[in-house]
PDB file of N, CA and C in Angstrom:
ATOM      1  N   MET A   1       0.560  -0.999   0.149  1.00  0.00           N
ATOM      2  CA  MET A   1      -0.089  -0.153  -0.068  1.00  0.00           C
ATOM      3  C   MET A   1       0.790   1.211   0.202  1.00  0.00           C
ATOM      4  N   MET A   2       1.880   1.668   0.629  1.00  0.00           N
ATOM      5  CA  MET A   2       3.233   2.208   0.864  1.00  0.00           C
ATOM      6  C   MET A   2       3.334   2.847  -0.413  1.00  0.00           C
ATOM      7  N   HIS A   3       3.803   1.420  -0.854  1.00  0.00           N
ATOM      8  CA  HIS A   3       4.661   1.710  -2.286  1.00  0.00           C
ATOM      9  C   HIS A   3       3.429   2.202  -3.052  1.00  0.00           C
ATOM     10  N   GLY A   4       2.461   2.188  -3.775  1.00  0.00           N
ATOM     11  CA  GLY A   4       1.372   2.640  -4.480  1.00  0.00           C
ATOM     12  C   GLY A   4       1.037   4.330  -4.114  1.00  0.00           C
ATOM     13  N   CYS A   5       1.285   4.228  -2.517  1.00  0.00           N
ATOM     14  CA  CYS A   5       0.623   6.001  -2.541  1.00  0.00           C
ATOM     15  C   CYS A   5       1.900   6.349  -2.580  1.00  0.00           C
ATOM     16  N   LEU A   6       3.172   5.943  -2.551  1.00  0.00           N
ATOM     17  CA  LEU A   6       4.659   6.709  -2.729  1.00  0.00           C
ATOM     18  C   LEU A   6       4.827   6.921  -4.444  1.00  0.00           C
ATOM     19  N   GLY A   7       4.290   6.113  -5.087  1.00  0.00           N
ATOM     20  CA  GLY A   7       3.998   5.977  -6.710  1.00  0.00           C
ATOM     21  C   GLY A   7       3.538   6.680  -7.451  1.00  0.00           C
ATOM     22  N   MET A   8       2.113   7.110  -6.399  1.00  0.00           N
ATOM     23  CA  MET A   8       1.350   8.370  -6.851  1.00  0.00           C
ATOM     24  C   MET A   8       1.639   9.496  -6.815  1.00  0.00           C
ATOM     25  N   LEU A   9       2.334   9.703  -5.163  1.00  0.00           N
ATOM     26  CA  LEU A   9       2.481  11.105  -5.071  1.00  0.00           C
ATOM     27  C   LEU A   9       3.859  11.669  -5.914  1.00  0.00           C
ATOM     28  N   LEU A  10       4.774  10.764  -6.176  1.00  0.00           N
ATOM     29  CA  LEU A  10       5.772  11.214  -6.595  1.00  0.00           C
ATOM     30  C   LEU A  10       5.607  10.817  -8.280  1.00  0.00           C
ATOM     31  N   ASP A  11       4.753  10.707  -8.869  1.00  0.00           N
ATOM     32  CA  ASP A  11       4.409  10.809  -9.934  1.00  0.00           C
ATOM     33  C   ASP A  11       4.514  12.178 -10.706  1.00  0.00           C
ATOM     34  N   PRO A  12       5.609  12.206 -11.561  1.00  0.00           N
ATOM     35  CA  PRO A  12       5.815  13.870 -12.354  1.00  0.00           C
ATOM     36  C   PRO A  12       4.984  13.892 -13.255  1.00  0.00           C
ATOM     37  N   HIS A  13       4.097  13.194 -13.590  1.00  0.00           N
ATOM     38  CA  HIS A  13       3.018  13.878 -15.040  1.00  0.00           C
ATOM     39  C   HIS A  13       1.280  13.655 -14.085  1.00  0.00           C
ATOM     40  N   ASP A  14       1.445  13.212 -12.809  1.00  0.00           N
ATOM     41  CA  ASP A  14       0.057  13.241 -12.734  1.00  0.00           C
ATOM     42  C   ASP A  14      -0.584  14.410 -11.947  1.00  0.00           C
ATOM     43  N   PRO A  15      -1.765  15.254 -12.575  1.00  0.00           N
ATOM     44  CA  PRO A  15      -1.929  16.467 -12.166  1.00  0.00           C
ATOM     45  C   PRO A  15      -2.394  16.174 -10.711  1.00  0.00           C
ATOM     46  N   ARG A  16      -2.994  14.852 -10.289  1.00  0.00           N
ATOM     47  CA  ARG A  16      -3.587  15.421  -8.543  1.00  0.00           C
ATOM     48  C   ARG A  16      -2.195  15.054  -7.744  1.00  0.00           C
ATOM     49  N   ALA A  17      -1.170  14.509  -8.207  1.00  0.00           N
ATOM     50  CA  ALA A  17      -0.069  14.617  -7.420  1.00  0.00           C
ATOM     51  C   ALA A  17       0.320  15.924  -7.279  1.00  0.00           C
ATOM     52  N   LYS A  18       0.972  16.665  -8.409  1.00  0.00           N
ATOM     53  CA  LYS A  18       1.177  17.603  -8.782  1.00  0.00           C
ATOM     54  C   LYS A  18       0.107  18.837  -7.366  1.00  0.00           C
ATOM     55  N   ALA A  19      -0.704  18.578  -7.490  1.00  0.00           N
ATOM     56  CA  ALA A  19      -1.545  19.559  -7.000  1.00  0.00           C
ATOM     57  C   ALA A  19      -1.397  19.659  -5.234  1.00  0.00           C
ATOM     58  N   LEU A  20      -1.384  17.910  -4.969  1.00  0.00           N
ATOM     59  CA  LEU A  20      -1.108  17.320  -3.339  1.00  0.00           C
ATOM     60  C   LEU A  20       0.146  18.421  -3.043  1.00  0.00           C
ATOM     61  N   ARG A  21       0.978  17.993  -3.859  1.00  0.00           N
ATOM     62  CA  ARG A  21       2.600  18.407  -3.592  1.00  0.00           C
ATOM     63  C   ARG A  21       2.876  19.891  -3.651  1.00  0.00           C
ATOM     64  N   ARG A  22       1.929  20.756  -4.318  1.00  0.00           N
ATOM     65  CA  ARG A  22       1.967  22.268  -4.154  1.00  0.00           C
ATOM     66  C   ARG A  22       1.236  22.537  -2.851  1.00  0.00           C
ATOM     67  N   HIS A  23       0.456  21.527  -2.323  1.00  0.00           N
ATOM     68  CA  HIS A  23      -0.596  22.195  -1.359  1.00  0.00           C
ATOM     69  C   HIS A  23       0.366  21.979  -0.257  1.00  0.00           C
ATOM     70  N   PHE A  24       0.586  20.686   0.107  1.00  0.00           N
ATOM     71  CA  PHE A  24       0.958  19.896   1.416  1.00  0.00           C
ATOM     72  C   PHE A  24       2.379  19.317   1.718  1.00  0.00           C
ATOM     73  N   VAL A  25       2.984  19.240   2.593  1.00  0.00           N
ATOM     74  CA  VAL A  25       4.291  18.583   3.002  1.00  0.00           C
ATOM     75  C   VAL A  25       3.713  17.167   3.658  1.00  0.00           C
ATOM     76  N   PHE A  26       4.177  16.289   2.948  1.00  0.00           N
ATOM     77  CA  PHE A  26       4.005  14.795   3.756  1.00  0.00           C
ATOM     78  C   PHE A  26       5.093  14.378   4.500  1.00  0.00           C
ATOM     79  N   LYS A  27       4.619  13.942   5.821  1.00  0.00           N
ATOM     80  CA  LYS A  27       6.071  13.376   6.434  1.00  0.00           C
ATOM     81  C   LYS A  27       5.619  11.746   6.542  1.00  0.00           C
ATOM     82  N   VAL A  28       6.413  11.154   6.108  1.00  0.00           N
ATOM     83  CA  VAL A  28       5.801   9.533   5.629  1.00  0.00           C
ATOM     84  C   VAL A  28       7.041   8.698   6.220  1.00  0.00           C
ATOM     85  N   ILE A  29       5.965   8.168   7.275  1.00  0.00           N
ATOM     86  CA  ILE A  29       6.766   6.675   8.333  1.00  0.00           C
ATOM     87  C   ILE A  29       5.918   5.238   7.802  1.00  0.00           C
ATOM     88  N   PRO A  30       6.811   5.085   7.394  1.00  0.00           N
ATOM     89  CA  PRO A  30       6.477   3.850   6.368  1.00  0.00           C
ATOM     90  C   PRO A  30       6.199   2.490   7.975  1.00  0.00           C
ATOM     91  N   GLN A  31       6.619   2.651   8.856  1.00  0.00           N
ATOM     92  CA  GLN A  31       6.151   1.510   9.700  1.00  0.00           C
ATOM     93  C   GLN A  31       6.482   1.660  11.157  1.00  0.00           C
ATOM     94  N   LEU A  32       5.515   1.534  11.925  1.00  0.00           N
ATOM     95  CA  LEU A  32       5.435   2.187  13.238  1.00  0.00           C
ATOM     96  C   LEU A  32       5.712   0.671  13.924  1.00  0.00           C
ATOM     97  N   ASN A  33       5.840  -0.195  13.628  1.00  0.00           N
ATOM     98  CA  ASN A  33       5.594  -1.465  14.520  1.00  0.00           C
ATOM     99  C   ASN A  33       6.450  -2.622  14.160  1.00  0.00           C
ATOM    100  N   PRO A  34       8.064  -2.369  13.887  1.00  0.00           N
ATOM    101  CA  PRO A  34       8.575  -3.226  12.857  1.00  0.00           C
ATOM    102  C   PRO A  34       9.097  -4.591  13.697  1.00  0.00           C
ATOM    103  N   ASP A  35       9.430  -4.287  15.292  1.00  0.00           N
ATOM    104  CA  ASP A  35       9.449  -5.722  15.784  1.00  0.00           C
ATOM    105  C   ASP A  35       8.262  -6.389  16.054  1.00  0.00           C
ATOM    106  N   GLY A  36       6.777  -5.837  16.268  1.00  0.00           N
ATOM    107  CA  GLY A  36       5.255  -6.608  16.268  1.00  0.00           C
ATOM    108  C   GLY A  36       5.190  -6.974  14.882  1.00  0.00           C
ATOM    109  N   VAL A  37       5.560  -6.805  13.807  1.00  0.00           N
ATOM    110  CA  VAL A  37       5.370  -7.096  12.260  1.00  0.00           C
ATOM    111  C   VAL A  37       6.029  -8.208  12.089  1.00  0.00           C
ATOM    112  N   ALA A  38       7.565  -8.153  12.646  1.00  0.00           N
ATOM    113  CA  ALA A  38       8.566  -9.155  12.295  1.00  0.00           C
ATOM    114  C   ALA A  38       7.946 -10.557  13.498  1.00  0.00           C
ATOM    115  N   ARG A  39       7.602 -10.100  13.868  1.00  0.00           N
ATOM    116  CA  ARG A  39       7.174 -11.560  14.761  1.00  0.00           C
ATOM    117  C   ARG A  39       5.420 -12.057  14.477  1.00  0.00           C
ATOM    118  N   GLY A  40       5.324 -11.399  13.239  1.00  0.00           N
ATOM    119  CA  GLY A  40       3.728 -12.013  12.743  1.00  0.00           C
ATOM    120  C   GLY A  40       2.563 -10.962  13.472  1.00  0.00           C
ATOM    121  N   HIS A  41       2.709  -9.841  14.140  1.00  0.00           N
ATOM    122  CA  HIS A  41       1.758  -8.967  14.924  1.00  0.00           C
ATOM    123  C   HIS A  41       1.625  -7.935  13.719  1.00  0.00           C
ATOM    124  N   TYR A  42       0.434  -7.408  13.852  1.00  0.00           N
ATOM    125  CA  TYR A  42       0.439  -5.868  12.840  1.00  0.00           C
ATOM    126  C   TYR A  42      -0.138  -4.905  13.849  1.00  0.00           C
ATOM    127  N   ARG A  43      -0.453  -5.280  14.624  1.00  0.00           N
ATOM    128  CA  ARG A  43      -1.591  -4.355  15.943  1.00  0.00           C
ATOM    129  C   ARG A  43      -0.626  -4.266  16.982  1.00  0.00           C
ATOM    130  N   MET A  44      -0.238  -6.015  17.552  1.00  0.00           N
ATOM    131  CA  MET A  44       0.880  -5.802  18.462  1.00  0.00           C
ATOM    132  C   MET A  44       1.813  -5.542  18.262  1.00  0.00           C
ATOM    133  N   ASP A  45       2.505  -5.140  19.656  1.00  0.00           N
ATOM    134  CA  ASP A  45       3.869  -4.962  19.609  1.00  0.00           C
ATOM    135  C   ASP A  45       4.847  -6.256  20.296  1.00  0.00           C
ATOM    136  N   GLN A  46       6.079  -5.942  20.264  1.00  0.00           N
ATOM    137  CA  GLN A  46       6.957  -6.955  20.698  1.00  0.00           C
ATOM    138  C   GLN A  46       6.553  -8.139  21.695  1.00  0.00           C
ATOM    139  N   TRP A  47       5.960  -7.044  22.491  1.00  0.00           N
ATOM    140  CA  TRP A  47       5.320  -8.016  24.215  1.00  0.00           C
ATOM    141  C   TRP A  47       3.676  -8.149  23.752  1.00  0.00           C
ATOM    142  N   GLY A  48       3.369  -8.161  23.008  1.00  0.00           N
ATOM    143  CA  GLY A  48       1.732  -8.203  22.709  1.00  0.00           C
ATOM    144  C   GLY A  48       0.770  -7.371  23.131  1.00  0.00           C
ATOM    145  N   ARG A  49       1.123  -5.976  23.020  1.00  0.00           N
ATOM    146  CA  ARG A  49       0.180  -5.308  23.522  1.00  0.00           C
ATOM    147  C   ARG A  49      -0.176  -4.549  22.542  1.00  0.00           C
ATOM    148  N   ASN A  50      -1.574  -4.229  22.470  1.00  0.00           N
ATOM    149  CA  ASN A  50      -1.830  -3.605  21.004  1.00  0.00           C
ATOM    150  C   ASN A  50      -2.009  -2.113  20.865  1.00  0.00           C
ATOM    151  N   LEU A  51      -0.814  -1.908  20.349  1.00  0.00           N
ATOM    152  CA  LEU A  51      -0.353  -0.162  20.137  1.00  0.00           C
ATOM    153  C   LEU A  51      -1.139   0.365  19.761  1.00  0.00           C
ATOM    154  N   ASN A  52      -2.764   0.393  19.265  1.00  0.00           N
ATOM    155  CA  ASN A  52      -3.762   1.201  18.968  1.00  0.00           C
ATOM    156  C   ASN A  52      -4.526   1.600  20.552  1.00  0.00           C
ATOM    157  N   ARG A  53      -4.186   1.416  21.317  1.00  0.00           N
ATOM    158  CA  ARG A  53      -4.527   1.695  22.641  1.00  0.00           C
ATOM    159  C   ARG A  53      -3.703   2.735  23.530  1.00  0.00           C
ATOM    160  N   TYR A  54      -2.392   3.103  23.038  1.00  0.00           N
ATOM    161  CA  TYR A  54      -1.777   4.049  23.618  1.00  0.00           C
ATOM    162  C   TYR A  54      -1.484   5.322  22.657  1.00  0.00           C
ATOM    163  N   TYR A  55      -1.855   5.885  22.030  1.00  0.00           N
ATOM    164  CA  TYR A  55      -1.643   6.990  21.175  1.00  0.00           C
ATOM    165  C   TYR A  55      -1.920   8.067  22.025  1.00  0.00           C
ATOM    166  N   THR A  56      -3.061   7.753  22.902  1.00  0.00           N
ATOM    167  CA  THR A  56      -3.527   9.028  24.025  1.00  0.00           C
ATOM    168  C   THR A  56      -2.097   9.354  24.825  1.00  0.00           C
ATOM    169  N   GLU A  57      -1.206   8.601  25.685  1.00  0.00           N
ATOM    170  CA  GLU A  57      -0.477   8.599  26.657  1.00  0.00           C
ATOM    171  C   GLU A  57       0.887   7.756  26.353  1.00  0.00           C
ATOM    172  N   PRO A  58       1.366   7.609  24.839  1.00  0.00           N
ATOM    173  CA  PRO A  58       2.524   6.839  24.701  1.00  0.00           C
ATOM    174  C   PRO A  58       3.803   7.087  25.686  1.00  0.00           C
ATOM    175  N   THR A  59       4.421   6.262  26.135  1.00  0.00           N
ATOM    176  CA  THR A  59       5.602   6.526  26.885  1.00  0.00           C
ATOM    177  C   THR A  59       7.193   6.533  25.636  1.00  0.00           C
ATOM    178  N   PRO A  60       8.154   7.170  25.868  1.00  0.00           N
ATOM    179  CA  PRO A  60       9.446   6.556  25.300  1.00  0.00           C
ATOM    180  C   PRO A  60      10.102   5.199  25.427  1.00  0.00           C
ATOM    181  N   GLU A  61       9.241   5.010  26.800  1.00  0.00           N
ATOM    182  CA  GLU A  61      10.017   3.350  27.360  1.00  0.00           C
ATOM    183  C   GLU A  61       9.577   2.357  26.747  1.00  0.00           C
ATOM    184  N   GLU A  62       8.338   2.701  26.663  1.00  0.00           N
ATOM    185  CA  GLU A  62       7.197   1.507  26.363  1.00  0.00           C
ATOM    186  C   GLU A  62       6.502   1.394  24.891  1.00  0.00           C
ATOM    187  N   GLN A  63       6.211   2.776  24.120  1.00  0.00           N
ATOM    188  CA  GLN A  63       5.971   2.772  23.015  1.00  0.00           C
ATOM    189  C   GLN A  63       6.691   3.772  22.111  1.00  0.00           C
ATOM    190  N   PRO A  64       7.822   3.382  22.177  1.00  0.00           N
ATOM    191  CA  PRO A  64       9.026   4.533  21.572  1.00  0.00           C
ATOM    192  C   PRO A  64       8.485   5.038  20.545  1.00  0.00           C
ATOM    193  N   THR A  65       8.020   4.104  19.301  1.00  0.00           N
ATOM    194  CA  THR A  65       7.656   4.597  18.241  1.00  0.00           C
ATOM    195  C   THR A  65       6.471   5.371  17.755  1.00  0.00           C
ATOM    196  N   ILE A  66       5.464   5.409  18.664  1.00  0.00           N
ATOM    197  CA  ILE A  66       4.241   5.750  18.936  1.00  0.00           C
ATOM    198  C   ILE A  66       4.698   7.149  19.708  1.00  0.00           C
ATOM    199  N   TRP A  67       5.330   7.048  20.554  1.00  0.00           N
ATOM    200  CA  TRP A  67       5.618   8.407  21.151  1.00  0.00           C
ATOM    201  C   TRP A  67       6.479   9.368  20.300  1.00  0.00           C
ATOM    202  N   ALA A  68       7.490   9.049  19.616  1.00  0.00           N
ATOM    203  CA  ALA A  68       8.246   9.845  18.436  1.00  0.00           C
ATOM    204  C   ALA A  68       7.352  10.567  17.445  1.00  0.00           C
ATOM    205  N   VAL A  69       6.459   9.635  17.155  1.00  0.00           N
ATOM    206  CA  VAL A  69       5.605  10.322  16.193  1.00  0.00           C
ATOM    207  C   VAL A  69       4.490  11.249  16.773  1.00  0.00           C
ATOM    208  N   LYS A  70       4.330  10.948  17.980  1.00  0.00           N
ATOM    209  CA  LYS A  70       3.091  12.130  18.445  1.00  0.00           C
ATOM    210  C   LYS A  70       4.169  13.368  19.178  1.00  0.00           C
ATOM    211  N   THR A  71       5.589  13.155  19.022  1.00  0.00           N
ATOM    212  CA  THR A  71       6.090  14.229  19.779  1.00  0.00           C
ATOM    213  C   THR A  71       6.441  15.005  18.773  1.00  0.00           C
ATOM    214  N   LEU A  72       6.873  14.351  17.478  1.00  0.00           N
ATOM    215  CA  LEU A  72       6.988  15.057  16.185  1.00  0.00           C
ATOM    216  C   LEU A  72       5.735  16.014  15.494  1.00  0.00           C
ATOM    217  N   ALA A  73       4.292  15.338  15.665  1.00  0.00           N
ATOM    218  CA  ALA A  73       3.244  15.806  15.372  1.00  0.00           C
ATOM    219  C   ALA A  73       2.953  17.045  16.042  1.00  0.00           C
ATOM    220  N   CYS A  74       3.119  17.102  17.331  1.00  0.00           N
ATOM    221  CA  CYS A  74       3.066  18.224  18.412  1.00  0.00           C
ATOM    222  C   CYS A  74       3.965  19.308  18.125  1.00  0.00           C
ATOM    223  N   SER A  75       5.161  19.169  18.062  1.00  0.00           N
ATOM    224  CA  SER A  75       6.271  19.955  17.347  1.00  0.00           C
ATOM    225  C   SER A  75       5.848  20.504  16.443  1.00  0.00           C
ATOM    226  N   LEU A  76       5.305  19.999  15.602  1.00  0.00           N
ATOM    227  CA  LEU A  76       5.283  20.872  14.306  1.00  0.00           C
ATOM    228  C   LEU A  76       4.096  21.602  14.106  1.00  0.00           C
ATOM    229  N   ALA A  77       3.091  20.776  14.838  1.00  0.00           N
ATOM    230  CA  ALA A  77       1.665  22.012  15.413  1.00  0.00           C
ATOM    231  C   ALA A  77       2.391  23.208  16.257  1.00  0.00           C
ATOM    232  N   LYS A  78       3.005  23.091  17.363  1.00  0.00           N
ATOM    233  CA  LYS A  78       3.166  24.021  18.080  1.00  0.00           C
ATOM    234  C   LYS A  78       3.957  25.161  17.227  1.00  0.00           C
ATOM    235  N   GLU A  79       4.918  24.866  16.296  1.00  0.00           N
ATOM    236  CA  GLU A  79       5.381  25.531  15.224  1.00  0.00           C
ATOM    237  C   GLU A  79       4.339  26.151  14.045  1.00  0.00           C
ATOM    238  N   GLY A  80       2.941  25.803  14.185  1.00  0.00           N
ATOM    239  CA  GLY A  80       2.240  26.090  13.274  1.00  0.00           C
ATOM    240  C   GLY A  80       2.888  25.990  11.761  1.00  0.00           C
ATOM    241  N   ARG A  81       3.145  24.720  11.834  1.00  0.00           N
ATOM    242  CA  ARG A  81       3.061  23.585  10.682  1.00  0.00           C
ATOM    243  C   ARG A  81       2.456  22.948  10.401  1.00  0.00           C
ATOM    244  N   THR A  82       1.022  22.786  10.828  1.00  0.00           N
ATOM    245  CA  THR A  82      -0.015  21.782  10.172  1.00  0.00           C
ATOM    246  C   THR A  82      -1.098  22.633  10.359  1.00  0.00           C
ATOM    247  N   ARG A  83      -1.757  22.003   9.693  1.00  0.00           N
ATOM    248  CA  ARG A  83      -3.134  22.937   9.159  1.00  0.00           C
ATOM    249  C   ARG A  83      -4.484  22.651  10.314  1.00  0.00           C
ATOM    250  N   THR A  84      -4.099  21.252  10.686  1.00  0.00           N
ATOM    251  CA  THR A  84      -5.219  20.912  12.239  1.00  0.00           C
ATOM    252  C   THR A  84      -4.497  20.435  13.027  1.00  0.00           C
ATOM    253  N   PRO A  85      -4.260  20.993  13.977  1.00  0.00           N
ATOM    254  CA  PRO A  85      -3.152  20.523  14.853  1.00  0.00           C
ATOM    255  C   PRO A  85      -3.737  19.144  15.812  1.00  0.00           C
ATOM    256  N   PRO A  86      -3.020  18.504  16.297  1.00  0.00           N
ATOM    257  CA  PRO A  86      -3.337  17.431  17.193  1.00  0.00           C
ATOM    258  C   PRO A  86      -3.524  17.721  18.359  1.00  0.00           C
ATOM    259  N   VAL A  87      -4.129  17.114  19.450  1.00  0.00           N
ATOM    260  CA  VAL A  87      -3.761  17.351  20.574  1.00  0.00           C
ATOM    261  C   VAL A  87      -2.910  17.238  21.365  1.00  0.00           C
ATOM    262  N   LEU A  88      -2.423  18.258  21.865  1.00  0.00           N
ATOM    263  CA  LEU A  88      -1.276  18.483  22.343  1.00  0.00           C
ATOM    264  C   LEU A  88      -0.962  18.003  23.885  1.00  0.00           C
ATOM    265  N   PRO A  89      -0.077  17.528  24.498  1.00  0.00           N
ATOM    266  CA  PRO A  89      -0.556  17.015  25.544  1.00  0.00           C
ATOM    267  C   PRO A  89      -0.100  17.918  26.469  1.00  0.00           C
TER     268      PRO A  89
END
């Protein structure tokens, strides 16, 4: 899915892609759960915890990838670099 999305966004001849690139900056995060996926889990981390339950209050020790992405999103929002700011901690 990511390959198709990037292919479309980077297509130099697609007018939709050109419009999207002109109006938006994309932050691409290909994989939030590499350890879990390597063990055959797509929502669960390497310890079997459902990462969808930790987006509200992730910790850098227990959900480092979720915490890092949320920290980045909040930082961009504080700098005014997003159109719809995420909920800030």
